[in-house]
Amino acid sequence: MARYKVIDTSPRFLAVDLEKQLLPGTFEHALNYLVDHELDLRRFDARYRNDFTGASAYAPALLLKVVLFAYSRGHCQ
């Protein structure tokens, strides 16, 4: 089983709560929902071989959200 970094989205140093920022009806909310609930990303788990050794990795869902959001804003070509 792949080990992923724990991503804590609760506010700590900045008063930003991710759940309150992703408003229903926005592209960001839809993207977050689709990647978390509709896409099957289990194929990526088999590629990671860091069960017992190596550093934990960023979850593929998080990285996919970043890439798709960047494309939606025109930051990638």
PDB file of N, CA and C in Angstrom:
ATOM      1  N   MET A   1       0.849  -1.179   0.000  1.00  0.00           N
ATOM      2  CA  MET A   1       0.000   0.000   0.000  1.00  0.00           C
ATOM      3  C   MET A   1       0.887   1.232   0.000  1.00  0.00           C
ATOM      4  N   ALA A   2       0.620   2.145  -0.865  1.00  0.00           N
ATOM      5  CA  ALA A   2       1.415   3.367  -0.991  1.00  0.00           C
ATOM      6  C   ALA A   2       1.197   4.267   0.219  1.00  0.00           C
ATOM      7  N   ARG A   3       2.269   4.941   0.613  1.00  0.00           N
ATOM      8  CA  ARG A   3       2.169   5.909   1.714  1.00  0.00           C
ATOM      9  C   ARG A   3       2.135   7.300   1.124  1.00  0.00           C
ATOM     10  N   TYR A   4       1.137   8.086   1.521  1.00  0.00           N
ATOM     11  CA  TYR A   4       1.003   9.449   1.042  1.00  0.00           C
ATOM     12  C   TYR A   4       1.131  10.416   2.205  1.00  0.00           C
ATOM     13  N   LYS A   5       1.578  11.614   1.892  1.00  0.00           N
ATOM     14  CA  LYS A   5       1.670  12.670   2.897  1.00  0.00           C
ATOM     15  C   LYS A   5       0.264  13.027   3.366  1.00  0.00           C
ATOM     16  N   VAL A   6       0.155  13.327   4.635  1.00  0.00           N
ATOM     17  CA  VAL A   6      -1.126  13.757   5.172  1.00  0.00           C
ATOM     18  C   VAL A   6      -1.284  15.241   4.861  1.00  0.00           C
ATOM     19  N   ILE A   7      -2.344  15.585   4.161  1.00  0.00           N
ATOM     20  CA  ILE A   7      -2.606  16.974   3.807  1.00  0.00           C
ATOM     21  C   ILE A   7      -3.710  17.485   4.727  1.00  0.00           C
ATOM     22  N   ASP A   8      -3.339  18.385   5.626  1.00  0.00           N
ATOM     23  CA  ASP A   8      -4.291  18.948   6.568  1.00  0.00           C
ATOM     24  C   ASP A   8      -4.819  20.252   5.992  1.00  0.00           C
ATOM     25  N   THR A   9      -6.112  20.290   5.688  1.00  0.00           N
ATOM     26  CA  THR A   9      -6.688  21.484   5.076  1.00  0.00           C
ATOM     27  C   THR A   9      -7.353  22.402   6.093  1.00  0.00           C
ATOM     28  N   SER A  10      -7.220  22.080   7.369  1.00  0.00           N
ATOM     29  CA  SER A  10      -7.809  22.958   8.378  1.00  0.00           C
ATOM     30  C   SER A  10      -6.914  24.180   8.590  1.00  0.00           C
ATOM     31  N   PRO A  11      -7.526  25.308   8.921  1.00  0.00           N
ATOM     32  CA  PRO A  11      -6.725  26.530   9.084  1.00  0.00           C
ATOM     33  C   PRO A  11      -5.805  26.457  10.294  1.00  0.00           C
ATOM     34  N   ARG A  12      -4.584  26.908  10.131  1.00  0.00           N
ATOM     35  CA  ARG A  12      -3.622  26.953  11.231  1.00  0.00           C
ATOM     36  C   ARG A  12      -3.064  28.364  11.379  1.00  0.00           C
ATOM     37  N   PHE A  13      -2.217  28.747  10.437  1.00  0.00           N
ATOM     38  CA  PHE A  13      -1.542  30.036  10.515  1.00  0.00           C
ATOM     39  C   PHE A  13      -2.311  31.127   9.766  1.00  0.00           C
ATOM     40  N   LEU A  14      -3.025  30.721   8.746  1.00  0.00           N
ATOM     41  CA  LEU A  14      -3.837  31.660   7.983  1.00  0.00           C
ATOM     42  C   LEU A  14      -5.303  31.330   8.220  1.00  0.00           C
ATOM     43  N   ALA A  15      -6.109  32.321   8.226  1.00  0.00           N
ATOM     44  CA  ALA A  15      -7.543  32.095   8.452  1.00  0.00           C
ATOM     45  C   ALA A  15      -8.232  31.687   7.164  1.00  0.00           C
ATOM     46  N   VAL A  16      -7.771  30.601   6.561  1.00  0.00           N
ATOM     47  CA  VAL A  16      -8.345  30.100   5.324  1.00  0.00           C
ATOM     48  C   VAL A  16      -8.788  28.663   5.569  1.00  0.00           C
ATOM     49  N   ASP A  17     -10.064  28.432   5.398  1.00  0.00           N
ATOM     50  CA  ASP A  17     -10.621  27.095   5.551  1.00  0.00           C
ATOM     51  C   ASP A  17     -11.021  26.610   4.162  1.00  0.00           C
ATOM     52  N   LEU A  18     -10.378  25.565   3.678  1.00  0.00           N
ATOM     53  CA  LEU A  18     -10.603  25.089   2.314  1.00  0.00           C
ATOM     54  C   LEU A  18     -12.075  24.752   2.073  1.00  0.00           C
ATOM     55  N   GLU A  19     -12.723  24.142   3.049  1.00  0.00           N
ATOM     56  CA  GLU A  19     -14.129  23.771   2.865  1.00  0.00           C
ATOM     57  C   GLU A  19     -15.021  24.996   2.669  1.00  0.00           C
ATOM     58  N   LYS A  20     -14.673  26.110   3.287  1.00  0.00           N
ATOM     59  CA  LYS A  20     -15.460  27.331   3.123  1.00  0.00           C
ATOM     60  C   LYS A  20     -15.093  28.085   1.849  1.00  0.00           C
ATOM     61  N   GLN A  21     -13.907  27.839   1.305  1.00  0.00           N
ATOM     62  CA  GLN A  21     -13.469  28.512   0.089  1.00  0.00           C
ATOM     63  C   GLN A  21     -14.049  27.866  -1.167  1.00  0.00           C
ATOM     64  N   LEU A  22     -14.295  26.568  -1.116  1.00  0.00           N
ATOM     65  CA  LEU A  22     -14.837  25.856  -2.277  1.00  0.00           C
ATOM     66  C   LEU A  22     -16.356  25.935  -2.247  1.00  0.00           C
ATOM     67  N   LEU A  23     -16.877  26.989  -2.818  1.00  0.00           N
ATOM     68  CA  LEU A  23     -18.314  27.239  -2.798  1.00  0.00           C
ATOM     69  C   LEU A  23     -19.032  26.364  -3.815  1.00  0.00           C
ATOM     70  N   PRO A  24     -20.158  25.765  -3.413  1.00  0.00           N
ATOM     71  CA  PRO A  24     -20.939  24.962  -4.370  1.00  0.00           C
ATOM     72  C   PRO A  24     -21.321  25.799  -5.595  1.00  0.00           C
ATOM     73  N   GLY A  25     -21.243  25.163  -6.752  1.00  0.00           N
ATOM     74  CA  GLY A  25     -21.573  25.849  -7.993  1.00  0.00           C
ATOM     75  C   GLY A  25     -20.365  26.419  -8.703  1.00  0.00           C
ATOM     76  N   THR A  26     -19.187  26.383  -8.082  1.00  0.00           N
ATOM     77  CA  THR A  26     -17.980  26.897  -8.717  1.00  0.00           C
ATOM     78  C   THR A  26     -17.216  25.749  -9.374  1.00  0.00           C
ATOM     79  N   PHE A  27     -16.350  26.111 -10.301  1.00  0.00           N
ATOM     80  CA  PHE A  27     -15.522  25.094 -10.964  1.00  0.00           C
ATOM     81  C   PHE A  27     -14.641  24.377  -9.953  1.00  0.00           C
ATOM     82  N   GLU A  28     -14.083  25.119  -9.004  1.00  0.00           N
ATOM     83  CA  GLU A  28     -13.180  24.536  -8.017  1.00  0.00           C
ATOM     84  C   GLU A  28     -13.889  23.489  -7.166  1.00  0.00           C
ATOM     85  N   HIS A  29     -15.122  23.780  -6.790  1.00  0.00           N
ATOM     86  CA  HIS A  29     -15.896  22.818  -5.991  1.00  0.00           C
ATOM     87  C   HIS A  29     -16.176  21.564  -6.815  1.00  0.00           C
ATOM     88  N   ALA A  30     -16.569  21.744  -8.069  1.00  0.00           N
ATOM     89  CA  ALA A  30     -16.854  20.608  -8.946  1.00  0.00           C
ATOM     90  C   ALA A  30     -15.600  19.765  -9.168  1.00  0.00           C
ATOM     91  N   LEU A  31     -14.471  20.415  -9.410  1.00  0.00           N
ATOM     92  CA  LEU A  31     -13.214  19.701  -9.615  1.00  0.00           C
ATOM     93  C   LEU A  31     -12.854  18.890  -8.374  1.00  0.00           C
ATOM     94  N   ASN A  32     -12.951  19.502  -7.217  1.00  0.00           N
ATOM     95  CA  ASN A  32     -12.636  18.821  -5.961  1.00  0.00           C
ATOM     96  C   ASN A  32     -13.545  17.607  -5.764  1.00  0.00           C
ATOM     97  N   TYR A  33     -14.842  17.775  -6.022  1.00  0.00           N
ATOM     98  CA  TYR A  33     -15.789  16.672  -5.854  1.00  0.00           C
ATOM     99  C   TYR A  33     -15.511  15.547  -6.851  1.00  0.00           C
ATOM    100  N   LEU A  34     -15.323  15.903  -8.120  1.00  0.00           N
ATOM    101  CA  LEU A  34     -15.115  14.883  -9.144  1.00  0.00           C
ATOM    102  C   LEU A  34     -13.860  14.057  -8.892  1.00  0.00           C
ATOM    103  N   VAL A  35     -12.767  14.713  -8.554  1.00  0.00           N
ATOM    104  CA  VAL A  35     -11.522  13.975  -8.320  1.00  0.00           C
ATOM    105  C   VAL A  35     -11.649  13.096  -7.073  1.00  0.00           C
ATOM    106  N   ASP A  36     -12.300  13.600  -6.033  1.00  0.00           N
ATOM    107  CA  ASP A  36     -12.411  12.837  -4.786  1.00  0.00           C
ATOM    108  C   ASP A  36     -13.445  11.719  -4.844  1.00  0.00           C
ATOM    109  N   HIS A  37     -14.535  11.901  -5.594  1.00  0.00           N
ATOM    110  CA  HIS A  37     -15.641  10.949  -5.529  1.00  0.00           C
ATOM    111  C   HIS A  37     -15.940  10.188  -6.814  1.00  0.00           C
ATOM    112  N   GLU A  38     -15.563  10.706  -7.952  1.00  0.00           N
ATOM    113  CA  GLU A  38     -15.963  10.082  -9.212  1.00  0.00           C
ATOM    114  C   GLU A  38     -14.830   9.384  -9.956  1.00  0.00           C
ATOM    115  N   LEU A  39     -13.605   9.826  -9.782  1.00  0.00           N
ATOM    116  CA  LEU A  39     -12.480   9.227 -10.501  1.00  0.00           C
ATOM    117  C   LEU A  39     -11.878   8.077  -9.705  1.00  0.00           C
ATOM    118  N   ASP A  40     -11.539   7.010 -10.411  1.00  0.00           N
ATOM    119  CA  ASP A  40     -10.874   5.868  -9.781  1.00  0.00           C
ATOM    120  C   ASP A  40      -9.371   6.031  -9.973  1.00  0.00           C
ATOM    121  N   LEU A  41      -8.681   6.404  -8.924  1.00  0.00           N
ATOM    122  CA  LEU A  41      -7.242   6.659  -9.002  1.00  0.00           C
ATOM    123  C   LEU A  41      -6.421   5.526  -8.391  1.00  0.00           C
ATOM    124  N   ARG A  42      -7.011   4.365  -8.212  1.00  0.00           N
ATOM    125  CA  ARG A  42      -6.295   3.235  -7.599  1.00  0.00           C
ATOM    126  C   ARG A  42      -5.134   2.746  -8.448  1.00  0.00           C
ATOM    127  N   ARG A  43      -5.165   3.012  -9.741  1.00  0.00           N
ATOM    128  CA  ARG A  43      -4.061   2.581 -10.608  1.00  0.00           C
ATOM    129  C   ARG A  43      -2.753   3.244 -10.201  1.00  0.00           C
ATOM    130  N   PHE A  44      -2.849   4.452  -9.659  1.00  0.00           N
ATOM    131  CA  PHE A  44      -1.641   5.151  -9.235  1.00  0.00           C
ATOM    132  C   PHE A  44      -1.011   4.490  -8.008  1.00  0.00           C
ATOM    133  N   ASP A  45      -1.843   3.910  -7.141  1.00  0.00           N
ATOM    134  CA  ASP A  45      -1.331   3.280  -5.924  1.00  0.00           C
ATOM    135  C   ASP A  45      -0.333   2.163  -6.239  1.00  0.00           C
ATOM    136  N   ALA A  46      -0.578   1.426  -7.293  1.00  0.00           N
ATOM    137  CA  ALA A  46       0.298   0.323  -7.663  1.00  0.00           C
ATOM    138  C   ALA A  46       1.671   0.815  -8.125  1.00  0.00           C
ATOM    139  N   ARG A  47       1.769   2.058  -8.572  1.00  0.00           N
ATOM    140  CA  ARG A  47       3.035   2.594  -9.073  1.00  0.00           C
ATOM    141  C   ARG A  47       3.989   2.989  -7.946  1.00  0.00           C
ATOM    142  N   TYR A  48       3.447   3.269  -6.764  1.00  0.00           N
ATOM    143  CA  TYR A  48       4.288   3.691  -5.648  1.00  0.00           C
ATOM    144  C   TYR A  48       4.822   2.473  -4.915  1.00  0.00           C
ATOM    145  N   ARG A  49       6.119   2.467  -4.671  1.00  0.00           N
ATOM    146  CA  ARG A  49       6.746   1.374  -3.957  1.00  0.00           C
ATOM    147  C   ARG A  49       7.422   1.922  -2.697  1.00  0.00           C
ATOM    148  N   ASN A  50       6.650   2.629  -1.902  1.00  0.00           N
ATOM    149  CA  ASN A  50       7.212   3.225  -0.697  1.00  0.00           C
ATOM    150  C   ASN A  50       6.494   2.706   0.553  1.00  0.00           C
ATOM    151  N   ASP A  51       6.091   1.441   0.497  1.00  0.00           N
ATOM    152  CA  ASP A  51       5.371   0.872   1.632  1.00  0.00           C
ATOM    153  C   ASP A  51       6.207   0.894   2.909  1.00  0.00           C
ATOM    154  N   PHE A  52       7.448   0.477   2.794  1.00  0.00           N
ATOM    155  CA  PHE A  52       8.287   0.347   3.980  1.00  0.00           C
ATOM    156  C   PHE A  52       9.510   1.257   3.945  1.00  0.00           C
ATOM    157  N   THR A  53       9.945   1.614   2.761  1.00  0.00           N
ATOM    158  CA  THR A  53      11.116   2.476   2.640  1.00  0.00           C
ATOM    159  C   THR A  53      10.780   3.661   1.755  1.00  0.00           C
ATOM    160  N   GLY A  54      11.571   4.671   1.869  1.00  0.00           N
ATOM    161  CA  GLY A  54      11.372   5.847   1.042  1.00  0.00           C
ATOM    162  C   GLY A  54      10.435   6.843   1.687  1.00  0.00           C
ATOM    163  N   ALA A  55      10.451   8.018   1.134  1.00  0.00           N
ATOM    164  CA  ALA A  55       9.622   9.097   1.673  1.00  0.00           C
ATOM    165  C   ALA A  55       8.171   8.921   1.243  1.00  0.00           C
ATOM    166  N   SER A  56       7.282   9.464   2.033  1.00  0.00           N
ATOM    167  CA  SER A  56       5.877   9.437   1.642  1.00  0.00           C
ATOM    168  C   SER A  56       5.676  10.396   0.463  1.00  0.00           C
ATOM    169  N   ALA A  57       4.699  10.102  -0.345  1.00  0.00           N
ATOM    170  CA  ALA A  57       4.468  10.867  -1.566  1.00  0.00           C
ATOM    171  C   ALA A  57       3.217  11.724  -1.417  1.00  0.00           C
ATOM    172  N   TYR A  58       3.094  12.705  -2.289  1.00  0.00           N
ATOM    173  CA  TYR A  58       1.852  13.462  -2.350  1.00  0.00           C
ATOM    174  C   TYR A  58       0.799  12.590  -3.031  1.00  0.00           C
ATOM    175  N   ALA A  59      -0.410  12.667  -2.552  1.00  0.00           N
ATOM    176  CA  ALA A  59      -1.487  11.852  -3.104  1.00  0.00           C
ATOM    177  C   ALA A  59      -1.754  12.253  -4.554  1.00  0.00           C
ATOM    178  N   PRO A  60      -1.944  11.285  -5.433  1.00  0.00           N
ATOM    179  CA  PRO A  60      -2.227  11.595  -6.833  1.00  0.00           C
ATOM    180  C   PRO A  60      -3.460  12.479  -7.013  1.00  0.00           C
ATOM    181  N   ALA A  61      -4.453  12.339  -6.156  1.00  0.00           N
ATOM    182  CA  ALA A  61      -5.649  13.174  -6.262  1.00  0.00           C
ATOM    183  C   ALA A  61      -5.299  14.642  -6.075  1.00  0.00           C
ATOM    184  N   LEU A  62      -4.447  14.936  -5.118  1.00  0.00           N
ATOM    185  CA  LEU A  62      -4.044  16.318  -4.872  1.00  0.00           C
ATOM    186  C   LEU A  62      -3.284  16.884  -6.068  1.00  0.00           C
ATOM    187  N   LEU A  63      -2.357  16.109  -6.598  1.00  0.00           N
ATOM    188  CA  LEU A  63      -1.570  16.575  -7.740  1.00  0.00           C
ATOM    189  C   LEU A  63      -2.442  16.746  -8.982  1.00  0.00           C
ATOM    190  N   LEU A  64      -3.403  15.848  -9.176  1.00  0.00           N
ATOM    191  CA  LEU A  64      -4.309  15.962 -10.319  1.00  0.00           C
ATOM    192  C   LEU A  64      -5.162  17.221 -10.202  1.00  0.00           C
ATOM    193  N   LYS A  65      -5.615  17.535  -8.999  1.00  0.00           N
ATOM    194  CA  LYS A  65      -6.394  18.759  -8.792  1.00  0.00           C
ATOM    195  C   LYS A  65      -5.570  19.993  -9.140  1.00  0.00           C
ATOM    196  N   VAL A  66      -4.315  20.011  -8.738  1.00  0.00           N
ATOM    197  CA  VAL A  66      -3.449  21.160  -9.020  1.00  0.00           C
ATOM    198  C   VAL A  66      -3.245  21.322 -10.518  1.00  0.00           C
ATOM    199  N   VAL A  67      -2.966  20.225 -11.211  1.00  0.00           N
ATOM    200  CA  VAL A  67      -2.714  20.287 -12.657  1.00  0.00           C
ATOM    201  C   VAL A  67      -3.974  20.711 -13.411  1.00  0.00           C
ATOM    202  N   LEU A  68      -5.106  20.114 -13.089  1.00  0.00           N
ATOM    203  CA  LEU A  68      -6.342  20.471 -13.786  1.00  0.00           C
ATOM    204  C   LEU A  68      -6.752  21.911 -13.505  1.00  0.00           C
ATOM    205  N   PHE A  69      -6.559  22.366 -12.288  1.00  0.00           N
ATOM    206  CA  PHE A  69      -6.884  23.753 -11.972  1.00  0.00           C
ATOM    207  C   PHE A  69      -5.961  24.704 -12.732  1.00  0.00           C
ATOM    208  N   ALA A  70      -4.671  24.369 -12.822  1.00  0.00           N
ATOM    209  CA  ALA A  70      -3.732  25.208 -13.560  1.00  0.00           C
ATOM    210  C   ALA A  70      -4.118  25.284 -15.039  1.00  0.00           C
ATOM    211  N   TYR A  71      -4.490  24.152 -15.617  1.00  0.00           N
ATOM    212  CA  TYR A  71      -4.949  24.154 -17.010  1.00  0.00           C
ATOM    213  C   TYR A  71      -6.193  25.014 -17.176  1.00  0.00           C
ATOM    214  N   SER A  72      -7.109  24.947 -16.219  1.00  0.00           N
ATOM    215  CA  SER A  72      -8.341  25.707 -16.336  1.00  0.00           C
ATOM    216  C   SER A  72      -8.090  27.226 -16.277  1.00  0.00           C
ATOM    217  N   ARG A  73      -7.012  27.629 -15.660  1.00  0.00           N
ATOM    218  CA  ARG A  73      -6.678  29.040 -15.546  1.00  0.00           C
ATOM    219  C   ARG A  73      -5.686  29.493 -16.613  1.00  0.00           C
ATOM    220  N   GLY A  74      -5.274  28.570 -17.488  1.00  0.00           N
ATOM    221  CA  GLY A  74      -4.371  28.937 -18.575  1.00  0.00           C
ATOM    222  C   GLY A  74      -2.912  29.035 -18.180  1.00  0.00           C
ATOM    223  N   HIS A  75      -2.526  28.404 -17.072  1.00  0.00           N
ATOM    224  CA  HIS A  75      -1.146  28.472 -16.622  1.00  0.00           C
ATOM    225  C   HIS A  75      -0.270  27.400 -17.279  1.00  0.00           C
ATOM    226  N   CYS A  76      -0.886  26.473 -17.974  1.00  0.00           N
ATOM    227  CA  CYS A  76      -0.135  25.411 -18.669  1.00  0.00           C
ATOM    228  C   CYS A  76      -0.495  25.464 -20.154  1.00  0.00           C
ATOM    229  N   GLN A  77       0.427  25.029 -20.964  1.00  0.00           N
ATOM    230  CA  GLN A  77       0.153  25.012 -22.405  1.00  0.00           C
ATOM    231  C   GLN A  77       0.366  23.644 -22.971  1.00  0.00           C
TER     232      GLN A  77
END
